[in-house]
Amino acid sequence: MMIRKAEKRDIPKLLELLVQVDMVHHNGRPDIFKGPATKYNEKELEAILLDENTPVFVYTDESDIPLGHAFCVQKQVVGSDLLTDIKTLYIDDICVDKNARGKHVGKALFDFVVDFAKENGFYNVTLNVWSCNPTAMSFYKAMGMTEQKIGMEMILSAFE
C-alpha cells in the first residue's frame, strides 16, 4: 500500500469516491446536495490531474487500486491590503472508500498532505467540513486541526 499522485487511469475510482462523498453530504443535507452526483466530471478531473496547482493524491492497495483520495488546491493571496501573503494548501476533497474505513487510510492521506505542505513551504493546511458530517469533524480535530472560521446560515423556506 502506498500514496502517490493520482493519474488518468484512476479517474473511474475517483468518480466513485466522489459519489460516496456526495452521498454523505446528501444524506446529511438533502436540501443542498442532490445525490448521487460528483463535483467534477471526467474531463474536469483530467484537467485537475494535469494542473500542478491542484495536486491529487491517492492511497492505493496492493493492486494499486485507490482506496482513498485527497484533492488539494494551492492558494495564495498576494498584495492584499487586508490579508498576508501566506501560501495555503487547501484540501478540496478527501475521501476513504466506505469499504476501507477504519483502517487508517484517512490518517495516512492526511499525514501525507501535511508532509507535502511542509516540504513545499506552505504556511497552513485548510479545508471545509460540513456540520452534517460529525464523523469528519471529529477526524479532523483528532488530526490536530482547529476551527479557522465558521459558516452560518438561516434557512428561509422549507425544502420541498
N, C-alpha and C. Protein backbone atom coordinates (compact mmCIF):
# COMPACT_ATOMS: atom_id res chain seq x y z
N MET A 1 0.85 -1.18 0.00
CA MET A 1 0.00 0.00 0.00
C MET A 1 0.88 1.23 0.00
N MET A 2 0.45 2.22 -0.77
CA MET A 2 1.25 3.43 -0.88
C MET A 2 0.38 4.62 -1.22
N ILE A 3 0.98 5.80 -1.12
CA ILE A 3 0.31 7.03 -1.53
C ILE A 3 1.12 7.60 -2.68
N ARG A 4 0.41 7.99 -3.73
CA ARG A 4 1.05 8.55 -4.91
C ARG A 4 0.14 9.61 -5.52
N LYS A 5 0.70 10.36 -6.48
CA LYS A 5 -0.14 11.31 -7.20
C LYS A 5 -1.12 10.53 -8.07
N ALA A 6 -2.33 11.01 -8.14
CA ALA A 6 -3.35 10.37 -8.96
C ALA A 6 -2.99 10.52 -10.44
N GLU A 7 -3.40 9.54 -11.21
CA GLU A 7 -3.16 9.51 -12.64
C GLU A 7 -4.48 9.34 -13.38
N LYS A 8 -4.44 9.57 -14.69
CA LYS A 8 -5.65 9.49 -15.51
C LYS A 8 -6.35 8.14 -15.33
N ARG A 9 -5.59 7.06 -15.20
CA ARG A 9 -6.18 5.73 -15.04
C ARG A 9 -6.99 5.59 -13.75
N ASP A 10 -6.81 6.51 -12.79
CA ASP A 10 -7.53 6.48 -11.53
C ASP A 10 -8.90 7.15 -11.60
N ILE A 11 -9.19 7.81 -12.70
CA ILE A 11 -10.42 8.61 -12.79
C ILE A 11 -11.69 7.81 -12.48
N PRO A 12 -11.88 6.60 -13.01
CA PRO A 12 -13.11 5.88 -12.65
C PRO A 12 -13.28 5.69 -11.14
N LYS A 13 -12.19 5.36 -10.45
CA LYS A 13 -12.28 5.18 -8.99
C LYS A 13 -12.48 6.52 -8.29
N LEU A 14 -11.83 7.58 -8.79
CA LEU A 14 -12.03 8.91 -8.21
C LEU A 14 -13.49 9.31 -8.32
N LEU A 15 -14.11 9.05 -9.46
CA LEU A 15 -15.53 9.37 -9.63
C LEU A 15 -16.40 8.59 -8.64
N GLU A 16 -16.05 7.33 -8.44
CA GLU A 16 -16.79 6.51 -7.48
C GLU A 16 -16.66 7.07 -6.06
N LEU A 17 -15.46 7.46 -5.69
CA LEU A 17 -15.25 8.05 -4.36
C LEU A 17 -15.96 9.38 -4.22
N LEU A 18 -15.97 10.18 -5.29
CA LEU A 18 -16.67 11.47 -5.23
C LEU A 18 -18.16 11.29 -5.01
N VAL A 19 -18.74 10.23 -5.57
CA VAL A 19 -20.15 9.94 -5.32
C VAL A 19 -20.34 9.58 -3.84
N GLN A 20 -19.41 8.81 -3.27
CA GLN A 20 -19.53 8.46 -1.85
C GLN A 20 -19.51 9.71 -0.98
N VAL A 21 -18.62 10.66 -1.29
CA VAL A 21 -18.57 11.92 -0.54
C VAL A 21 -19.91 12.65 -0.69
N ASP A 22 -20.38 12.74 -1.91
CA ASP A 22 -21.64 13.45 -2.14
C ASP A 22 -22.78 12.81 -1.36
N MET A 23 -22.82 11.49 -1.31
CA MET A 23 -23.93 10.83 -0.62
C MET A 23 -23.89 11.06 0.89
N VAL A 24 -22.69 11.17 1.47
CA VAL A 24 -22.61 11.54 2.88
C VAL A 24 -23.25 12.91 3.08
N HIS A 25 -22.91 13.83 2.20
CA HIS A 25 -23.47 15.18 2.30
C HIS A 25 -24.96 15.20 1.95
N HIS A 26 -25.35 14.45 0.94
CA HIS A 26 -26.77 14.37 0.57
C HIS A 26 -27.60 13.82 1.72
N ASN A 27 -27.10 12.76 2.35
CA ASN A 27 -27.85 12.17 3.47
C ASN A 27 -27.97 13.15 4.63
N GLY A 28 -26.95 14.00 4.82
CA GLY A 28 -26.99 14.98 5.89
C GLY A 28 -27.75 16.24 5.54
N ARG A 29 -27.67 16.66 4.28
CA ARG A 29 -28.32 17.90 3.83
C ARG A 29 -28.93 17.73 2.45
N PRO A 30 -30.03 16.95 2.35
CA PRO A 30 -30.67 16.75 1.04
C PRO A 30 -31.26 18.04 0.47
N ASP A 31 -31.39 19.06 1.30
CA ASP A 31 -31.88 20.34 0.81
C ASP A 31 -30.81 21.07 0.01
N ILE A 32 -29.54 20.65 0.12
CA ILE A 32 -28.44 21.30 -0.58
C ILE A 32 -27.81 20.38 -1.63
N PHE A 33 -27.56 19.11 -1.24
CA PHE A 33 -26.87 18.17 -2.12
C PHE A 33 -27.85 17.24 -2.81
N LYS A 34 -27.78 17.18 -4.14
CA LYS A 34 -28.72 16.38 -4.92
C LYS A 34 -28.53 14.89 -4.72
N GLY A 35 -27.33 14.40 -4.85
CA GLY A 35 -27.02 12.98 -4.71
C GLY A 35 -27.83 12.06 -5.58
N PRO A 36 -27.29 10.96 -6.07
CA PRO A 36 -25.85 10.73 -6.18
C PRO A 36 -25.28 11.56 -7.34
N ALA A 37 -24.16 12.20 -7.07
CA ALA A 37 -23.55 13.07 -8.07
C ALA A 37 -22.06 13.22 -7.75
N THR A 38 -21.35 13.84 -8.66
CA THR A 38 -19.94 14.14 -8.40
C THR A 38 -19.72 15.63 -8.62
N LYS A 39 -18.78 16.19 -7.89
CA LYS A 39 -18.49 17.62 -8.04
C LYS A 39 -17.67 17.90 -9.28
N TYR A 40 -17.02 16.87 -9.84
CA TYR A 40 -16.24 17.00 -11.07
C TYR A 40 -16.61 15.88 -12.01
N ASN A 41 -16.60 16.17 -13.31
CA ASN A 41 -16.80 15.12 -14.29
C ASN A 41 -15.44 14.63 -14.80
N GLU A 42 -15.46 13.67 -15.71
CA GLU A 42 -14.21 13.06 -16.19
C GLU A 42 -13.27 14.09 -16.82
N LYS A 43 -13.81 14.97 -17.66
CA LYS A 43 -12.97 15.99 -18.31
C LYS A 43 -12.38 16.95 -17.30
N GLU A 44 -13.18 17.36 -16.33
CA GLU A 44 -12.67 18.25 -15.28
C GLU A 44 -11.57 17.57 -14.46
N LEU A 45 -11.76 16.27 -14.19
CA LEU A 45 -10.73 15.54 -13.46
C LEU A 45 -9.43 15.45 -14.25
N GLU A 46 -9.55 15.24 -15.54
CA GLU A 46 -8.34 15.19 -16.37
C GLU A 46 -7.57 16.50 -16.25
N ALA A 47 -8.27 17.62 -16.29
CA ALA A 47 -7.61 18.93 -16.18
C ALA A 47 -7.01 19.13 -14.79
N ILE A 48 -7.72 18.72 -13.76
CA ILE A 48 -7.22 18.85 -12.39
C ILE A 48 -5.93 18.05 -12.22
N LEU A 49 -5.90 16.84 -12.76
CA LEU A 49 -4.73 15.98 -12.61
C LEU A 49 -3.51 16.52 -13.35
N LEU A 50 -3.73 17.33 -14.38
CA LEU A 50 -2.62 17.91 -15.14
C LEU A 50 -2.11 19.23 -14.55
N ASP A 51 -2.88 19.82 -13.64
CA ASP A 51 -2.55 21.14 -13.08
C ASP A 51 -1.67 20.99 -11.84
N GLU A 52 -0.48 21.56 -11.88
CA GLU A 52 0.44 21.48 -10.73
C GLU A 52 -0.10 22.18 -9.49
N ASN A 53 -1.05 23.10 -9.67
CA ASN A 53 -1.62 23.82 -8.53
C ASN A 53 -2.76 23.06 -7.85
N THR A 54 -3.14 21.92 -8.42
CA THR A 54 -4.22 21.13 -7.84
C THR A 54 -3.79 19.66 -7.69
N PRO A 55 -2.80 19.41 -6.84
CA PRO A 55 -2.35 18.02 -6.70
C PRO A 55 -3.43 17.13 -6.08
N VAL A 56 -3.53 15.92 -6.60
CA VAL A 56 -4.46 14.93 -6.08
C VAL A 56 -3.63 13.70 -5.70
N PHE A 57 -3.82 13.24 -4.49
CA PHE A 57 -3.08 12.08 -4.01
C PHE A 57 -4.05 10.93 -3.77
N VAL A 58 -3.60 9.72 -4.05
CA VAL A 58 -4.41 8.54 -3.79
C VAL A 58 -3.64 7.56 -2.92
N TYR A 59 -4.37 6.93 -2.01
CA TYR A 59 -3.86 5.84 -1.20
C TYR A 59 -4.31 4.58 -1.91
N THR A 60 -3.36 3.71 -2.27
CA THR A 60 -3.71 2.53 -3.06
C THR A 60 -3.47 1.24 -2.28
N ASP A 61 -4.19 0.22 -2.68
CA ASP A 61 -3.99 -1.11 -2.09
C ASP A 61 -2.85 -1.82 -2.82
N GLU A 62 -2.62 -3.08 -2.47
CA GLU A 62 -1.50 -3.82 -3.06
C GLU A 62 -1.67 -4.04 -4.57
N SER A 63 -2.89 -3.88 -5.09
CA SER A 63 -3.13 -4.00 -6.53
C SER A 63 -3.11 -2.63 -7.22
N ASP A 64 -2.69 -1.60 -6.49
CA ASP A 64 -2.61 -0.22 -6.99
C ASP A 64 -3.98 0.38 -7.30
N ILE A 65 -5.01 -0.09 -6.61
CA ILE A 65 -6.36 0.46 -6.74
C ILE A 65 -6.55 1.49 -5.64
N PRO A 66 -6.99 2.71 -5.98
CA PRO A 66 -7.19 3.73 -4.94
C PRO A 66 -8.26 3.33 -3.92
N LEU A 67 -7.89 3.48 -2.65
CA LEU A 67 -8.83 3.27 -1.54
C LEU A 67 -9.26 4.60 -0.93
N GLY A 68 -8.61 5.67 -1.36
CA GLY A 68 -8.94 6.99 -0.85
C GLY A 68 -8.21 8.04 -1.67
N HIS A 69 -8.71 9.26 -1.56
CA HIS A 69 -8.06 10.36 -2.28
C HIS A 69 -8.05 11.63 -1.44
N ALA A 70 -7.14 12.52 -1.83
CA ALA A 70 -7.09 13.87 -1.25
C ALA A 70 -6.86 14.85 -2.41
N PHE A 71 -7.87 15.64 -2.71
CA PHE A 71 -7.77 16.69 -3.73
C PHE A 71 -7.28 17.95 -3.02
N CYS A 72 -6.23 18.55 -3.52
CA CYS A 72 -5.67 19.75 -2.90
C CYS A 72 -5.63 20.90 -3.89
N VAL A 73 -5.64 22.12 -3.36
CA VAL A 73 -5.54 23.33 -4.17
C VAL A 73 -4.56 24.27 -3.48
N GLN A 74 -3.58 24.72 -4.24
CA GLN A 74 -2.65 25.71 -3.71
C GLN A 74 -3.30 27.09 -3.80
N LYS A 75 -3.31 27.81 -2.69
CA LYS A 75 -3.94 29.13 -2.64
C LYS A 75 -2.97 30.14 -2.03
N GLN A 76 -2.97 31.34 -2.61
CA GLN A 76 -2.18 32.42 -2.03
C GLN A 76 -2.73 33.75 -2.54
N VAL A 77 -3.04 34.62 -1.61
CA VAL A 77 -3.45 35.98 -1.94
C VAL A 77 -2.19 36.83 -1.79
N VAL A 78 -1.83 37.52 -2.84
CA VAL A 78 -0.61 38.34 -2.81
C VAL A 78 -0.99 39.81 -3.00
N GLY A 79 -0.43 40.65 -2.17
CA GLY A 79 -0.62 42.09 -2.33
C GLY A 79 -1.93 42.63 -1.81
N SER A 80 -2.62 41.89 -0.97
CA SER A 80 -3.88 42.35 -0.41
C SER A 80 -3.61 43.41 0.66
N ASP A 81 -4.50 44.40 0.73
CA ASP A 81 -4.40 45.40 1.80
C ASP A 81 -4.80 44.81 3.15
N LEU A 82 -5.53 43.71 3.12
CA LEU A 82 -6.07 43.12 4.34
C LEU A 82 -5.34 41.85 4.78
N LEU A 83 -5.07 40.97 3.82
CA LEU A 83 -4.54 39.65 4.15
C LEU A 83 -3.03 39.56 3.91
N THR A 84 -2.37 38.72 4.69
CA THR A 84 -0.95 38.48 4.49
C THR A 84 -0.76 37.58 3.27
N ASP A 85 0.46 37.46 2.82
CA ASP A 85 0.77 36.69 1.61
C ASP A 85 1.02 35.20 1.88
N ILE A 86 0.44 34.63 2.91
CA ILE A 86 0.70 33.23 3.23
C ILE A 86 0.25 32.31 2.11
N LYS A 87 0.96 31.21 1.99
CA LYS A 87 0.64 30.18 1.00
C LYS A 87 -0.08 29.05 1.73
N THR A 88 -1.28 28.73 1.28
CA THR A 88 -2.15 27.74 1.91
C THR A 88 -2.34 26.55 0.99
N LEU A 89 -2.31 25.35 1.57
CA LEU A 89 -2.72 24.16 0.83
C LEU A 89 -4.11 23.80 1.33
N TYR A 90 -5.08 23.97 0.47
CA TYR A 90 -6.49 23.72 0.79
C TYR A 90 -6.85 22.30 0.36
N ILE A 91 -7.39 21.52 1.29
CA ILE A 91 -7.89 20.20 0.93
C ILE A 91 -9.32 20.38 0.43
N ASP A 92 -9.48 20.24 -0.86
CA ASP A 92 -10.78 20.45 -1.51
C ASP A 92 -11.71 19.26 -1.29
N ASP A 93 -11.13 18.07 -1.21
CA ASP A 93 -11.95 16.88 -1.05
C ASP A 93 -11.06 15.76 -0.52
N ILE A 94 -11.54 15.07 0.46
CA ILE A 94 -10.82 13.91 0.97
C ILE A 94 -11.85 12.82 1.21
N CYS A 95 -11.51 11.61 0.79
CA CYS A 95 -12.47 10.51 0.94
C CYS A 95 -11.73 9.20 1.09
N VAL A 96 -12.26 8.34 1.94
CA VAL A 96 -11.80 6.97 2.06
C VAL A 96 -12.96 6.09 1.63
N ASP A 97 -12.69 5.14 0.76
CA ASP A 97 -13.71 4.22 0.29
C ASP A 97 -14.44 3.61 1.49
N LYS A 98 -15.76 3.53 1.39
CA LYS A 98 -16.56 3.04 2.51
C LYS A 98 -16.12 1.64 2.96
N ASN A 99 -15.54 0.85 2.07
CA ASN A 99 -15.08 -0.50 2.42
C ASN A 99 -13.70 -0.51 3.07
N ALA A 100 -13.03 0.64 3.11
CA ALA A 100 -11.69 0.72 3.69
C ALA A 100 -11.65 1.61 4.94
N ARG A 101 -12.79 2.08 5.38
CA ARG A 101 -12.81 2.97 6.54
C ARG A 101 -12.45 2.21 7.80
N GLY A 102 -11.82 2.91 8.74
CA GLY A 102 -11.39 2.30 9.98
C GLY A 102 -10.04 1.61 9.88
N LYS A 103 -9.37 1.75 8.72
CA LYS A 103 -8.08 1.09 8.52
C LYS A 103 -6.94 2.11 8.41
N HIS A 104 -7.17 3.31 8.89
CA HIS A 104 -6.17 4.38 8.95
C HIS A 104 -5.76 4.94 7.59
N VAL A 105 -6.58 4.71 6.58
CA VAL A 105 -6.31 5.26 5.25
C VAL A 105 -6.42 6.78 5.31
N GLY A 106 -7.44 7.28 5.96
CA GLY A 106 -7.64 8.73 6.07
C GLY A 106 -6.49 9.41 6.78
N LYS A 107 -6.03 8.82 7.87
CA LYS A 107 -4.91 9.39 8.61
C LYS A 107 -3.65 9.40 7.74
N ALA A 108 -3.41 8.31 7.03
CA ALA A 108 -2.23 8.24 6.16
C ALA A 108 -2.30 9.32 5.07
N LEU A 109 -3.46 9.49 4.46
CA LEU A 109 -3.62 10.53 3.44
C LEU A 109 -3.43 11.91 4.03
N PHE A 110 -4.06 12.16 5.17
CA PHE A 110 -3.96 13.47 5.80
C PHE A 110 -2.50 13.77 6.16
N ASP A 111 -1.82 12.81 6.78
CA ASP A 111 -0.42 13.00 7.14
C ASP A 111 0.44 13.26 5.90
N PHE A 112 0.15 12.56 4.82
CA PHE A 112 0.89 12.76 3.57
C PHE A 112 0.71 14.18 3.06
N VAL A 113 -0.54 14.68 3.09
CA VAL A 113 -0.82 16.05 2.64
C VAL A 113 -0.08 17.06 3.51
N VAL A 114 -0.09 16.86 4.81
CA VAL A 114 0.61 17.76 5.73
C VAL A 114 2.12 17.75 5.43
N ASP A 115 2.68 16.57 5.24
CA ASP A 115 4.11 16.48 4.91
C ASP A 115 4.41 17.17 3.58
N PHE A 116 3.55 16.97 2.59
CA PHE A 116 3.70 17.63 1.29
C PHE A 116 3.70 19.15 1.48
N ALA A 117 2.76 19.63 2.30
CA ALA A 117 2.66 21.08 2.54
C ALA A 117 3.93 21.61 3.22
N LYS A 118 4.41 20.89 4.22
CA LYS A 118 5.63 21.31 4.91
C LYS A 118 6.82 21.34 3.96
N GLU A 119 6.98 20.30 3.16
CA GLU A 119 8.11 20.19 2.23
C GLU A 119 8.07 21.27 1.15
N ASN A 120 6.88 21.80 0.87
CA ASN A 120 6.74 22.78 -0.21
C ASN A 120 6.49 24.20 0.29
N GLY A 121 6.77 24.45 1.56
CA GLY A 121 6.76 25.81 2.09
C GLY A 121 5.40 26.44 2.32
N PHE A 122 4.38 25.63 2.52
CA PHE A 122 3.06 26.18 2.82
C PHE A 122 3.00 26.62 4.27
N TYR A 123 2.25 27.67 4.53
CA TYR A 123 2.05 28.17 5.89
C TYR A 123 1.08 27.28 6.67
N ASN A 124 0.01 26.84 5.97
CA ASN A 124 -1.02 26.06 6.65
C ASN A 124 -1.73 25.14 5.67
N VAL A 125 -2.50 24.22 6.26
CA VAL A 125 -3.40 23.34 5.51
C VAL A 125 -4.80 23.67 6.01
N THR A 126 -5.72 23.89 5.07
CA THR A 126 -7.09 24.22 5.45
C THR A 126 -8.07 23.31 4.71
N LEU A 127 -9.29 23.29 5.18
CA LEU A 127 -10.37 22.58 4.49
C LEU A 127 -11.69 23.07 5.04
N ASN A 128 -12.74 22.74 4.37
CA ASN A 128 -14.10 23.00 4.87
C ASN A 128 -14.71 21.65 5.22
N VAL A 129 -15.48 21.62 6.30
CA VAL A 129 -16.19 20.41 6.69
C VAL A 129 -17.63 20.80 7.00
N TRP A 130 -18.55 20.00 6.50
CA TRP A 130 -19.97 20.26 6.73
C TRP A 130 -20.36 19.79 8.13
N SER A 131 -21.13 20.60 8.83
CA SER A 131 -21.54 20.22 10.19
C SER A 131 -22.47 19.02 10.19
N CYS A 132 -23.02 18.66 9.04
CA CYS A 132 -23.86 17.46 8.96
C CYS A 132 -23.02 16.20 8.89
N ASN A 133 -21.69 16.35 8.99
CA ASN A 133 -20.78 15.21 8.94
C ASN A 133 -19.91 15.21 10.21
N PRO A 134 -20.52 14.90 11.36
CA PRO A 134 -19.76 14.95 12.62
C PRO A 134 -18.58 13.97 12.66
N THR A 135 -18.65 12.88 11.93
CA THR A 135 -17.54 11.93 11.89
C THR A 135 -16.31 12.61 11.29
N ALA A 136 -16.50 13.34 10.20
CA ALA A 136 -15.38 14.06 9.58
C ALA A 136 -14.86 15.14 10.51
N MET A 137 -15.76 15.86 11.16
CA MET A 137 -15.33 16.91 12.08
C MET A 137 -14.46 16.32 13.19
N SER A 138 -14.88 15.21 13.76
CA SER A 138 -14.10 14.55 14.81
C SER A 138 -12.75 14.09 14.29
N PHE A 139 -12.74 13.54 13.08
CA PHE A 139 -11.50 13.08 12.47
C PHE A 139 -10.50 14.23 12.34
N TYR A 140 -10.94 15.34 11.77
CA TYR A 140 -10.03 16.47 11.55
C TYR A 140 -9.52 17.05 12.87
N LYS A 141 -10.37 17.09 13.87
CA LYS A 141 -9.92 17.55 15.18
C LYS A 141 -8.89 16.59 15.75
N ALA A 142 -9.09 15.29 15.57
CA ALA A 142 -8.12 14.29 16.04
C ALA A 142 -6.79 14.42 15.30
N MET A 143 -6.83 14.94 14.08
CA MET A 143 -5.61 15.16 13.30
C MET A 143 -4.88 16.42 13.73
N GLY A 144 -5.50 17.21 14.63
CA GLY A 144 -4.86 18.41 15.14
C GLY A 144 -5.37 19.71 14.54
N MET A 145 -6.40 19.62 13.70
CA MET A 145 -6.95 20.84 13.10
C MET A 145 -7.84 21.57 14.11
N THR A 146 -7.91 22.87 13.95
CA THR A 146 -8.79 23.70 14.77
C THR A 146 -9.64 24.56 13.85
N GLU A 147 -10.75 25.08 14.39
CA GLU A 147 -11.62 25.93 13.58
C GLU A 147 -10.89 27.23 13.23
N GLN A 148 -10.97 27.59 11.96
CA GLN A 148 -10.41 28.86 11.49
C GLN A 148 -11.54 29.87 11.31
N LYS A 149 -12.63 29.41 10.74
CA LYS A 149 -13.81 30.25 10.57
C LYS A 149 -15.01 29.33 10.50
N ILE A 150 -16.18 29.85 10.74
CA ILE A 150 -17.40 29.04 10.74
C ILE A 150 -18.42 29.71 9.83
N GLY A 151 -18.97 28.94 8.90
CA GLY A 151 -20.05 29.44 8.03
C GLY A 151 -21.38 29.21 8.73
N MET A 152 -22.26 30.17 8.62
CA MET A 152 -23.56 30.06 9.27
C MET A 152 -24.66 30.30 8.25
N GLU A 153 -25.86 29.84 8.57
CA GLU A 153 -26.98 30.03 7.66
C GLU A 153 -28.28 30.24 8.43
N MET A 154 -29.26 30.76 7.72
CA MET A 154 -30.63 30.84 8.20
C MET A 154 -31.49 30.39 7.02
N ILE A 155 -32.15 29.25 7.15
CA ILE A 155 -32.99 28.75 6.07
C ILE A 155 -34.29 29.54 6.06
N LEU A 156 -34.62 30.09 4.90
CA LEU A 156 -35.77 30.98 4.79
C LEU A 156 -37.02 30.31 4.23
N SER A 157 -36.85 29.15 3.61
CA SER A 157 -38.04 28.44 3.10
C SER A 157 -37.83 26.96 3.30
N ALA A 158 -38.92 26.25 3.48
CA ALA A 158 -38.86 24.81 3.70
C ALA A 158 -38.45 24.10 2.42
N PHE A 159 -37.73 23.01 2.57
CA PHE A 159 -37.33 22.16 1.45
C PHE A 159 -38.57 21.47 0.91
N GLU A 160 -38.74 21.51 -0.40
CA GLU A 160 -39.94 20.89 -0.99
C GLU A 160 -39.57 19.70 -1.81
